[in-house]
C-alpha atoms as a PDB file:
ATOM      1  CA  MET A   1     105.194 119.272  90.581  1.00  0.00           C
ATOM      2  CA  SER A   2     102.685 116.778  91.161  1.00  0.00           C
ATOM      3  CA  TYR A   3     102.072 113.219  89.250  1.00  0.00           C
ATOM      4  CA  THR A   4      99.656 111.006  88.970  1.00  0.00           C
ATOM      5  CA  LEU A   5     100.296 107.226  88.985  1.00  0.00           C
ATOM      6  CA  LYS A   6      99.335 105.463  85.296  1.00  0.00           C
ATOM      7  CA  GLU A   7      97.132 102.715  86.069  1.00  0.00           C
ATOM      8  CA  ASP A   8     100.136 100.334  85.405  1.00  0.00           C
ATOM      9  CA  GLU A   9     102.425 101.724  88.143  1.00  0.00           C
ATOM     10  CA  LEU A  10      99.430 101.890  90.741  1.00  0.00           C
ATOM     11  CA  ARG A  11      99.354  98.013  89.933  1.00  0.00           C
ATOM     12  CA  ALA A  12     103.184  97.997  90.833  1.00  0.00           C
ATOM     13  CA  VAL A  13     102.576  99.803  93.605  1.00  0.00           C
ATOM     14  CA  GLN A  14      99.747  97.899  94.764  1.00  0.00           C
ATOM     15  CA  LEU A  15     102.066  94.392  94.536  1.00  0.00           C
ATOM     16  CA  CYS A  16     105.063  96.222  96.099  1.00  0.00           C
ATOM     17  CA  GLU A  17     102.799  96.581  98.825  1.00  0.00           C
ATOM     18  CA  LEU A  18     101.685  92.794  98.782  1.00  0.00           C
ATOM     19  CA  GLU A  19     105.082  91.849  99.075  1.00  0.00           C
ATOM     20  CA  MET A  20     105.688  94.087 101.908  1.00  0.00           C
ATOM     21  CA  LEU A  21     102.695  92.757 103.580  1.00  0.00           C
ATOM     22  CA  ARG A  22     103.710  89.535 103.047  1.00  0.00           C
ATOM     23  CA  GLU A  23     106.642  90.490 104.804  1.00  0.00           C
ATOM     24  CA  VAL A  24     105.272  92.129 107.753  1.00  0.00           C
ATOM     25  CA  ASP A  25     103.094  88.450 108.408  1.00  0.00           C
ATOM     26  CA  ARG A  26     106.047  86.299 107.824  1.00  0.00           C
ATOM     27  CA  ILE A  27     108.093  88.183 110.548  1.00  0.00           C
ATOM     28  CA  CYS A  28     104.617  88.421 112.774  1.00  0.00           C
ATOM     29  CA  ALA A  29     104.157  84.257 112.484  1.00  0.00           C
ATOM     30  CA  LYS A  30     107.787  83.814 113.302  1.00  0.00           C
ATOM     31  CA  CYS A  31     107.877  85.989 116.547  1.00  0.00           C
ATOM     32  CA  GLY A  32     105.030  85.589 118.328  1.00  0.00           C
ATOM     33  CA  ILE A  33     103.614  89.228 117.496  1.00  0.00           C
ATOM     34  CA  ARG A  34      99.688  89.742 116.706  1.00  0.00           C
ATOM     35  CA  TYR A  35      98.294  92.615 113.976  1.00  0.00           C
ATOM     36  CA  THR A  36      95.533  93.074 111.960  1.00  0.00           C
ATOM     37  CA  ILE A  37      94.921  94.956 108.527  1.00  0.00           C
ATOM     38  CA  ILE A  38      92.906  98.086 109.317  1.00  0.00           C
ATOM     39  CA  ALA A  39      91.125 101.012 107.416  1.00  0.00           C
ATOM     40  CA  GLY A  40      91.525 100.697 103.839  1.00  0.00           C
ATOM     41  CA  THR A  41      93.047  97.493 103.168  1.00  0.00           C
ATOM     42  CA  LEU A  42      90.502  95.781 105.131  1.00  0.00           C
ATOM     43  CA  LEU A  43      87.735  97.577 103.597  1.00  0.00           C
ATOM     44  CA  GLY A  44      89.527  97.107 100.202  1.00  0.00           C
ATOM     45  CA  ALA A  45      90.118  93.035 101.447  1.00  0.00           C
ATOM     46  CA  VAL A  46      86.258  93.090 102.269  1.00  0.00           C
ATOM     47  CA  ARG A  47      84.146  94.983  99.392  1.00  0.00           C
ATOM     48  CA  HIS A  48      87.035  93.973  96.756  1.00  0.00           C
ATOM     49  CA  GLY A  49      89.169  91.014  97.495  1.00  0.00           C
ATOM     50  CA  GLY A  50      91.642  93.151  97.713  1.00  0.00           C
ATOM     51  CA  PHE A  51      93.430  96.788  97.123  1.00  0.00           C
ATOM     52  CA  ILE A  52      90.985  99.162  96.579  1.00  0.00           C
ATOM     53  CA  PRO A  53      91.140  99.625  92.914  1.00  0.00           C
ATOM     54  CA  TRP A  54      92.447 103.514  93.437  1.00  0.00           C
ATOM     55  CA  ASP A  55      94.073 102.436  96.304  1.00  0.00           C
ATOM     56  CA  ASP A  56      98.526 103.728  96.631  1.00  0.00           C
ATOM     57  CA  ASP A  57      98.784 102.621  99.879  1.00  0.00           C
ATOM     58  CA  ALA A  58      98.268  99.776 102.412  1.00  0.00           C
ATOM     59  CA  ASP A  59      97.630  99.722 106.476  1.00  0.00           C
ATOM     60  CA  VAL A  60      98.830  97.535 109.501  1.00  0.00           C
ATOM     61  CA  ALA A  61      98.043  98.018 113.357  1.00  0.00           C
ATOM     62  CA  PHE A  62      99.748  96.627 116.227  1.00  0.00           C
ATOM     63  CA  LEU A  63      98.770  97.586 120.079  1.00  0.00           C
ATOM     64  CA  ARG A  64     101.364  99.240 121.251  1.00  0.00           C
ATOM     65  CA  PRO A  65     103.320  96.334 122.699  1.00  0.00           C
ATOM     66  CA  ALA A  66     103.573  94.525 119.209  1.00  0.00           C
ATOM     67  CA  TYR A  67     104.157  97.143 117.836  1.00  0.00           C
ATOM     68  CA  GLU A  68     107.542  97.737 120.052  1.00  0.00           C
ATOM     69  CA  LYS A  69     107.970  94.198 119.525  1.00  0.00           C
ATOM     70  CA  PHE A  70     108.095  93.622 115.675  1.00  0.00           C
ATOM     71  CA  ARG A  71     110.163  96.463 115.277  1.00  0.00           C
ATOM     72  CA  GLU A  72     112.405  94.817 117.625  1.00  0.00           C
ATOM     73  CA  ALA A  73     112.314  91.345 115.844  1.00  0.00           C
ATOM     74  CA  CYS A  74     113.208  94.349 112.106  1.00  0.00           C
ATOM     75  CA  ARG A  75     116.481  93.917 113.628  1.00  0.00           C
ATOM     76  CA  THR A  76     117.646  90.168 113.083  1.00  0.00           C
ATOM     77  CA  GLU A  77     114.399  89.113 110.810  1.00  0.00           C
ATOM     78  CA  LEU A  78     113.906  91.913 108.348  1.00  0.00           C
ATOM     79  CA  ASP A  79     114.985  90.551 104.795  1.00  0.00           C
ATOM     80  CA  THR A  80     116.557  94.075 104.736  1.00  0.00           C
ATOM     81  CA  ALA A  81     118.192  93.314 100.952  1.00  0.00           C
ATOM     82  CA  ARG A  82     114.510  94.140  99.928  1.00  0.00           C
ATOM     83  CA  PHE A  83     112.689  96.041 102.475  1.00  0.00           C
ATOM     84  CA  GLU A  84     113.637  98.963 105.304  1.00  0.00           C
ATOM     85  CA  PHE A  85     112.247  99.248 107.763  1.00  0.00           C
ATOM     86  CA  GLN A  86     111.505 103.212 109.757  1.00  0.00           C
ATOM     87  CA  ASP A  87     110.361 105.370 112.515  1.00  0.00           C
ATOM     88  CA  HIS A  88     111.235 108.304 114.223  1.00  0.00           C
ATOM     89  CA  THR A  89     113.222 105.847 116.840  1.00  0.00           C
ATOM     90  CA  VAL A  90     115.946 104.492 113.970  1.00  0.00           C
ATOM     91  CA  THR A  91     115.739 107.119 111.227  1.00  0.00           C
ATOM     92  CA  PRO A  92     116.578 110.724 111.385  1.00  0.00           C
ATOM     93  CA  GLY A  93     114.842 113.036 110.298  1.00  0.00           C
ATOM     94  CA  TYR A  94     111.735 110.964 110.554  1.00  0.00           C
ATOM     95  CA  ARG A  95     108.574 112.841 111.944  1.00  0.00           C
ATOM     96  CA  TRP A  96     105.603 110.577 112.003  1.00  0.00           C
ATOM     97  CA  GLY A  97     104.292 109.310 115.150  1.00  0.00           C
ATOM     98  CA  TYR A  98     103.863 105.234 113.154  1.00  0.00           C
ATOM     99  CA  GLY A  99     106.288 103.010 111.298  1.00  0.00           C
ATOM    100  CA  LYS A 100     106.624 102.258 107.756  1.00  0.00           C
ATOM    101  CA  LEU A 101     108.030  99.660 105.404  1.00  0.00           C
ATOM    102  CA  ARG A 102     109.992 100.394 102.591  1.00  0.00           C
ATOM    103  CA  ARG A 103     110.810  98.572  99.166  1.00  0.00           C
ATOM    104  CA  LYS A 104     113.975  99.275  98.378  1.00  0.00           C
ATOM    105  CA  GLY A 105     114.983  99.767  94.644  1.00  0.00           C
ATOM    106  CA  SER A 106     111.530 102.108  94.349  1.00  0.00           C
ATOM    107  CA  ALA A 107     110.656 105.746  94.875  1.00  0.00           C
ATOM    108  CA  PHE A 108     107.801 106.564  96.022  1.00  0.00           C
ATOM    109  CA  VAL A 109     108.033 110.972  96.627  1.00  0.00           C
ATOM    110  CA  ARG A 110     104.639 112.341  98.419  1.00  0.00           C
ATOM    111  CA  GLU A 111     104.250 115.998  96.898  1.00  0.00           C
ATOM    112  CA  HIS A 112     105.785 118.162  99.573  1.00  0.00           C
ATOM    113  CA  GLN A 113     107.980 115.749 100.937  1.00  0.00           C
ATOM    114  CA  GLU A 114     110.653 116.035  98.523  1.00  0.00           C
ATOM    115  CA  LYS A 115     113.023 117.699 101.434  1.00  0.00           C
ATOM    116  CA  MET A 116     112.632 114.965 103.830  1.00  0.00           C
ATOM    117  CA  PRO A 117     116.079 113.751 104.532  1.00  0.00           C
ATOM    118  CA  TYR A 118     115.398 109.915 104.549  1.00  0.00           C
ATOM    119  CA  PHE A 119     114.892 107.405 101.674  1.00  0.00           C
ATOM    120  CA  GLN A 120     111.231 107.563 100.341  1.00  0.00           C
ATOM    121  CA  GLY A 121     110.222 103.931  98.560  1.00  0.00           C
ATOM    122  CA  ILE A 122     106.928 102.682  98.277  1.00  0.00           C
ATOM    123  CA  PHE A 123     105.779 101.697 101.292  1.00  0.00           C
ATOM    124  CA  ILE A 124     102.814 100.559 103.702  1.00  0.00           C
ATOM    125  CA  ASP A 125     101.774 102.179 106.532  1.00  0.00           C
ATOM    126  CA  LEU A 126     102.826 100.566 110.482  1.00  0.00           C
ATOM    127  CA  PHE A 127     100.525 101.857 112.824  1.00  0.00           C
ATOM    128  CA  PRO A 128     100.726 101.496 116.840  1.00  0.00           C
ATOM    129  CA  LEU A 129      97.568 101.510 118.862  1.00  0.00           C
ATOM    130  CA  ASP A 130      97.745 103.292 122.019  1.00  0.00           C
ATOM    131  CA  PRO A 131      94.928 103.298 125.147  1.00  0.00           C
ATOM    132  CA  VAL A 132      93.422 106.442 125.693  1.00  0.00           C
ATOM    133  CA  PRO A 133      90.976 107.467 128.647  1.00  0.00           C
ATOM    134  CA  ALA A 134      87.501 105.999 128.749  1.00  0.00           C
ATOM    135  CA  PHE A 135      85.901 108.561 129.966  1.00  0.00           C
ATOM    136  CA  TYR A 136      84.979 111.354 127.421  1.00  0.00           C
ATOM    137  CA  PRO A 137      85.713 114.828 128.408  1.00  0.00           C
ATOM    138  CA  PHE A 138      89.539 113.383 129.653  1.00  0.00           C
ATOM    139  CA  ARG A 139      89.265 111.507 126.199  1.00  0.00           C
ATOM    140  CA  ALA A 140      88.935 114.854 124.397  1.00  0.00           C
ATOM    141  CA  ALA A 141      91.205 116.586 126.375  1.00  0.00           C
ATOM    142  CA  HIS A 142      93.911 113.993 125.543  1.00  0.00           C
ATOM    143  CA  ALA A 143      93.129 114.049 121.619  1.00  0.00           C
ATOM    144  CA  PHE A 144      93.250 117.993 121.579  1.00  0.00           C
ATOM    145  CA  LEU A 145      97.486 116.835 122.942  1.00  0.00           C
ATOM    146  CA  CYS A 146      97.601 114.387 120.055  1.00  0.00           C
ATOM    147  CA  PHE A 147      96.378 116.886 117.928  1.00  0.00           C
ATOM    148  CA  ALA A 148      98.495 119.635 118.594  1.00  0.00           C
ATOM    149  CA  VAL A 149     101.553 117.797 118.932  1.00  0.00           C
ATOM    150  CA  ARG A 150     100.711 116.018 115.165  1.00  0.00           C
ATOM    151  CA  LYS A 151     100.912 119.596 113.687  1.00  0.00           C
ATOM    152  CA  ILE A 152     104.079 120.612 115.307  1.00  0.00           C
ATOM    153  CA  LEU A 153     105.694 117.203 112.860  1.00  0.00           C
ATOM    154  CA  TRP A 154     103.433 117.563 110.220  1.00  0.00           C
ATOM    155  CA  ALA A 155     104.549 122.130 109.782  1.00  0.00           C
ATOM    156  CA  ARG A 156     107.728 120.671 108.235  1.00  0.00           C
ATOM    157  CA  VAL A 157     105.686 119.792 105.200  1.00  0.00           C
ATOM    158  CA  GLY A 158     102.526 121.899 106.152  1.00  0.00           C
ATOM    159  CA  LYS A 159     104.605 125.095 105.744  1.00  0.00           C
ATOM    160  CA  ASP A 160     105.306 124.350 102.407  1.00  0.00           C
ATOM    161  CA  ALA A 161     101.879 122.197 101.477  1.00  0.00           C
ATOM    162  CA  ASP A 162      98.714 124.119 102.918  1.00  0.00           C
ATOM    163  CA  ARG A 163      96.702 125.770 100.492  1.00  0.00           C
ATOM    164  CA  SER A 164      95.797 128.735 103.057  1.00  0.00           C
ATOM    165  CA  SER A 165      98.282 131.328 103.098  1.00  0.00           C
ATOM    166  CA  VAL A 166      98.245 131.848 106.927  1.00  0.00           C
ATOM    167  CA  LYS A 167      98.294 128.292 108.138  1.00  0.00           C
ATOM    168  CA  ARG A 168     101.396 127.832 106.511  1.00  0.00           C
ATOM    169  CA  ARG A 169     102.537 130.785 108.258  1.00  0.00           C
ATOM    170  CA  ILE A 170     101.586 129.145 111.311  1.00  0.00           C
ATOM    171  CA  TYR A 171     103.024 125.978 110.525  1.00  0.00           C
ATOM    172  CA  ALA A 172     106.217 127.726 109.157  1.00  0.00           C
ATOM    173  CA  ALA A 173     106.420 128.654 113.425  1.00  0.00           C
ATOM    174  CA  LEU A 174     105.344 125.868 114.313  1.00  0.00           C
ATOM    175  CA  ASP A 175     108.368 124.212 112.604  1.00  0.00           C
ATOM    176  CA  ARG A 176     111.125 126.524 114.074  1.00  0.00           C
ATOM    177  CA  ILE A 177     110.139 124.088 117.281  1.00  0.00           C
ATOM    178  CA  PRO A 178     113.216 122.246 117.788  1.00  0.00           C
ATOM    179  CA  GLU A 179     112.801 118.880 116.042  1.00  0.00           C
ATOM    180  CA  LYS A 180     114.297 116.850 119.368  1.00  0.00           C
ATOM    181  CA  THR A 181     111.483 119.211 121.043  1.00  0.00           C
ATOM    182  CA  ALA A 182     108.754 118.110 119.444  1.00  0.00           C
ATOM    183  CA  LEU A 183     109.948 114.279 119.396  1.00  0.00           C
ATOM    184  CA  SER A 184     110.442 114.094 123.113  1.00  0.00           C
ATOM    185  CA  LEU A 185     106.223 115.208 123.282  1.00  0.00           C
ATOM    186  CA  LEU A 186     105.235 112.372 121.171  1.00  0.00           C
ATOM    187  CA  ASP A 187     107.259 109.946 123.322  1.00  0.00           C
ATOM    188  CA  SER A 188     105.956 111.358 126.581  1.00  0.00           C
ATOM    189  CA  LEU A 189     102.338 110.805 125.055  1.00  0.00           C
ATOM    190  CA  VAL A 190     103.444 107.195 124.090  1.00  0.00           C
ATOM    191  CA  ARG A 191     104.662 106.551 128.195  1.00  0.00           C
ATOM    192  CA  GLY A 192     101.464 108.256 129.501  1.00  0.00           C
ATOM    193  CA  ALA A 193      99.882 105.956 127.613  1.00  0.00           C
ATOM    194  CA  ALA A 194     101.041 103.095 129.036  1.00  0.00           C
ATOM    195  CA  TYR A 195      99.696 104.234 132.628  1.00  0.00           C
ATOM    196  CA  ILE A 196      96.184 104.407 131.125  1.00  0.00           C
ATOM    197  CA  ARG A 197      93.744 101.100 131.402  1.00  0.00           C
ATOM    198  CA  SER A 198      90.739 101.535 129.212  1.00  0.00           C
ATOM    199  CA  PRO A 199      88.578  99.620 126.889  1.00  0.00           C
ATOM    200  CA  TYR A 200      89.412 102.062 124.063  1.00  0.00           C
ATOM    201  CA  VAL A 201      92.789 102.409 121.934  1.00  0.00           C
ATOM    202  CA  ARG A 202      93.856 104.924 119.373  1.00  0.00           C
ATOM    203  CA  ILE A 203      96.940 105.805 116.878  1.00  0.00           C
ATOM    204  CA  LEU A 204      98.383 108.790 118.241  1.00  0.00           C
ATOM    205  CA  MET A 205      99.691 110.569 115.636  1.00  0.00           C
ATOM    206  CA  PHE A 206      96.417 110.086 113.180  1.00  0.00           C
ATOM    207  CA  PRO A 207      93.268 111.386 113.009  1.00  0.00           C
ATOM    208  CA  THR A 208      90.087 109.540 114.346  1.00  0.00           C
ATOM    209  CA  PRO A 209      86.493 110.039 113.364  1.00  0.00           C
ATOM    210  CA  ASP A 210      85.274 113.048 114.532  1.00  0.00           C
ATOM    211  CA  LYS A 211      83.498 113.463 117.863  1.00  0.00           C
ATOM    212  CA  HIS A 212      85.142 109.785 118.739  1.00  0.00           C
ATOM    213  CA  PHE A 213      88.465 109.973 119.208  1.00  0.00           C
ATOM    214  CA  ALA A 214      89.148 106.711 119.798  1.00  0.00           C
ATOM    215  CA  TYR A 215      88.614 102.767 118.421  1.00  0.00           C
ATOM    216  CA  ARG A 216      87.733  99.987 120.733  1.00  0.00           C
ATOM    217  CA  ARG A 217      90.230  98.282 121.737  1.00  0.00           C
ATOM    218  CA  ARG A 218      88.114  94.724 121.194  1.00  0.00           C
ATOM    219  CA  TRP A 219      88.095  95.104 117.573  1.00  0.00           C
ATOM    220  CA  TYR A 220      92.139  94.737 117.522  1.00  0.00           C
ATOM    221  CA  GLU A 221      92.244  91.870 119.827  1.00  0.00           C
ATOM    222  CA  GLU A 222      89.782  89.744 118.281  1.00  0.00           C
ATOM    223  CA  ARG A 223      91.635  88.675 115.085  1.00  0.00           C
ATOM    224  CA  LYS A 224      90.227  86.443 111.931  1.00  0.00           C
ATOM    225  CA  THR A 225      91.873  85.723 108.952  1.00  0.00           C
ATOM    226  CA  ILE A 226      90.570  86.911 105.671  1.00  0.00           C
ATOM    227  CA  ARG A 227      91.909  86.846 101.995  1.00  0.00           C
ATOM    228  CA  PHE A 228      93.878  89.755 100.729  1.00  0.00           C
ATOM    229  CA  GLU A 229      94.737  89.447  97.042  1.00  0.00           C
ATOM    230  CA  GLY A 230      93.946  85.706  97.056  1.00  0.00           C
ATOM    231  CA  ILE A 231      96.726  85.887 100.063  1.00  0.00           C
ATOM    232  CA  PRO A 232      95.007  85.131 103.944  1.00  0.00           C
ATOM    233  CA  PHE A 233      96.043  88.124 106.348  1.00  0.00           C
ATOM    234  CA  TYR A 234      95.140  88.393 110.146  1.00  0.00           C
ATOM    235  CA  ALA A 235      91.844  91.223 109.959  1.00  0.00           C
ATOM    236  CA  VAL A 236      89.738  92.701 112.600  1.00  0.00           C
ATOM    237  CA  ALA A 237      87.556  90.031 113.172  1.00  0.00           C
ATOM    238  CA  ARG A 238      84.050  92.123 113.692  1.00  0.00           C
ATOM    239  CA  ALA A 239      85.377  93.542 110.611  1.00  0.00           C
ATOM    240  CA  GLU A 240      81.981  95.098 109.312  1.00  0.00           C
ATOM    241  CA  GLU A 241      81.229  96.637 112.583  1.00  0.00           C
ATOM    242  CA  TYR A 242      84.436  97.884 112.720  1.00  0.00           C
ATOM    243  CA  LEU A 243      84.205  99.510 109.180  1.00  0.00           C
ATOM    244  CA  SER A 244      80.728 100.831 109.415  1.00  0.00           C
ATOM    245  CA  PHE A 245      81.891 102.676 112.578  1.00  0.00           C
ATOM    246  CA  LYS A 246      84.881 104.453 110.134  1.00  0.00           C
ATOM    247  CA  TYR A 247      83.231 104.461 106.965  1.00  0.00           C
ATOM    248  CA  GLY A 248      79.556 104.835 107.603  1.00  0.00           C
ATOM    249  CA  ASP A 249      78.275 102.967 104.721  1.00  0.00           C
ATOM    250  CA  PHE A 250      81.134 101.117 103.447  1.00  0.00           C
ATOM    251  CA  ARG A 251      79.416  98.854 101.156  1.00  0.00           C
ATOM    252  CA  THR A 252      78.554 101.645  98.445  1.00  0.00           C
ATOM    253  CA  LEU A 253      81.339 103.631  95.857  1.00  0.00           C
ATOM    254  CA  PRO A 254      82.267 106.541  96.523  1.00  0.00           C
ATOM    255  CA  PRO A 255      81.283 108.777  93.665  1.00  0.00           C
ATOM    256  CA  PRO A 256      84.930 109.240  91.048  1.00  0.00           C
ATOM    257  CA  LYS A 257      85.651 112.452  92.388  1.00  0.00           C
ATOM    258  CA  GLU A 258      85.714 111.148  96.150  1.00  0.00           C
ATOM    259  CA  ARG A 259      88.485 108.357  94.977  1.00  0.00           C
ATOM    260  CA  LYS A 260      91.589 109.368  96.495  1.00  0.00           C
ATOM    261  CA  ILE A 261      95.017 108.720  95.389  1.00  0.00           C
ATOM    262  CA  HIS A 262      97.972 110.939  96.786  1.00  0.00           C
ATOM    263  CA  PRO A 263     100.017 112.750  93.832  1.00  0.00           C
ATOM    264  CA  VAL A 264     103.792 112.226  94.138  1.00  0.00           C
ATOM    265  CA  SER A 265     106.824 114.309  92.390  1.00  0.00           C
ATOM    266  CA  PHE A 266     108.690 111.163  91.973  1.00  0.00           C
ATOM    267  CA  PHE A 267     107.953 107.386  91.355  1.00  0.00           C
ATOM    268  CA  ARG A 268     109.936 104.389  90.175  1.00  0.00           C
ATOM    269  CA  ALA A 269     109.113 100.695  90.886  1.00  0.00           C
ATOM    270  CA  PRO A 270     111.830  98.562  91.669  1.00  0.00           C
ATOM    271  CA  GLU A 271     113.451  96.549  88.699  1.00  0.00           C
ATOM    272  CA  ASP A 272     113.905  92.971  91.215  1.00  0.00           C
END
């Protein structure tokens, strides 16, 4: 059964995520790692000065070398009394192609993900950005490969979550592919991307704006600080250019029916 967060619960989630953003910033400052806040978090900073009022997650991006450096830094620098770093290289059963930082002592179980075999607390997303081909036909073909692997990884959830009975059956078939095989396909894409020289990057296991299949690398290389909930974080320097590309008219609020919040099956805020 899905559960929609109450206003005070949503704010508790946001404050936990702010705590995790500060932890990312602290580790990156100490270890010389470059990050940027992106997507809805950057949109919230520009348009609202903090969280989008109905938003229940936060997004941080790293170019791949910085992501690998951050993952390694978490082994020694992360405050493990409060936080847990997860990605498919360190968390058994984790099927997403990017990382998460979780708040210990909390619970935030997305609908249809109750069976996933790892700790599910309040989280922020940590996205690695990999190079993709500059030549558009090659980039489109590469995007199809990313799409196929992403759907294989999503199948564990999609076989129960998708509204279409046909798609549920397709996902059930895809879920028969061994997890080790699916993750090896992801790792092959990551290794292959290391040989690509291009002004374009993307999150391999996350959708990109239709028909583009990429973002400009310079958006993540050129940074500035921006205040988010009164705290300075690093962000895309050309924020308006990036947000216009991603969202179009980002200054205009969407109608209430399009203000999405993720349904959860279980929620608990940390006590400390």
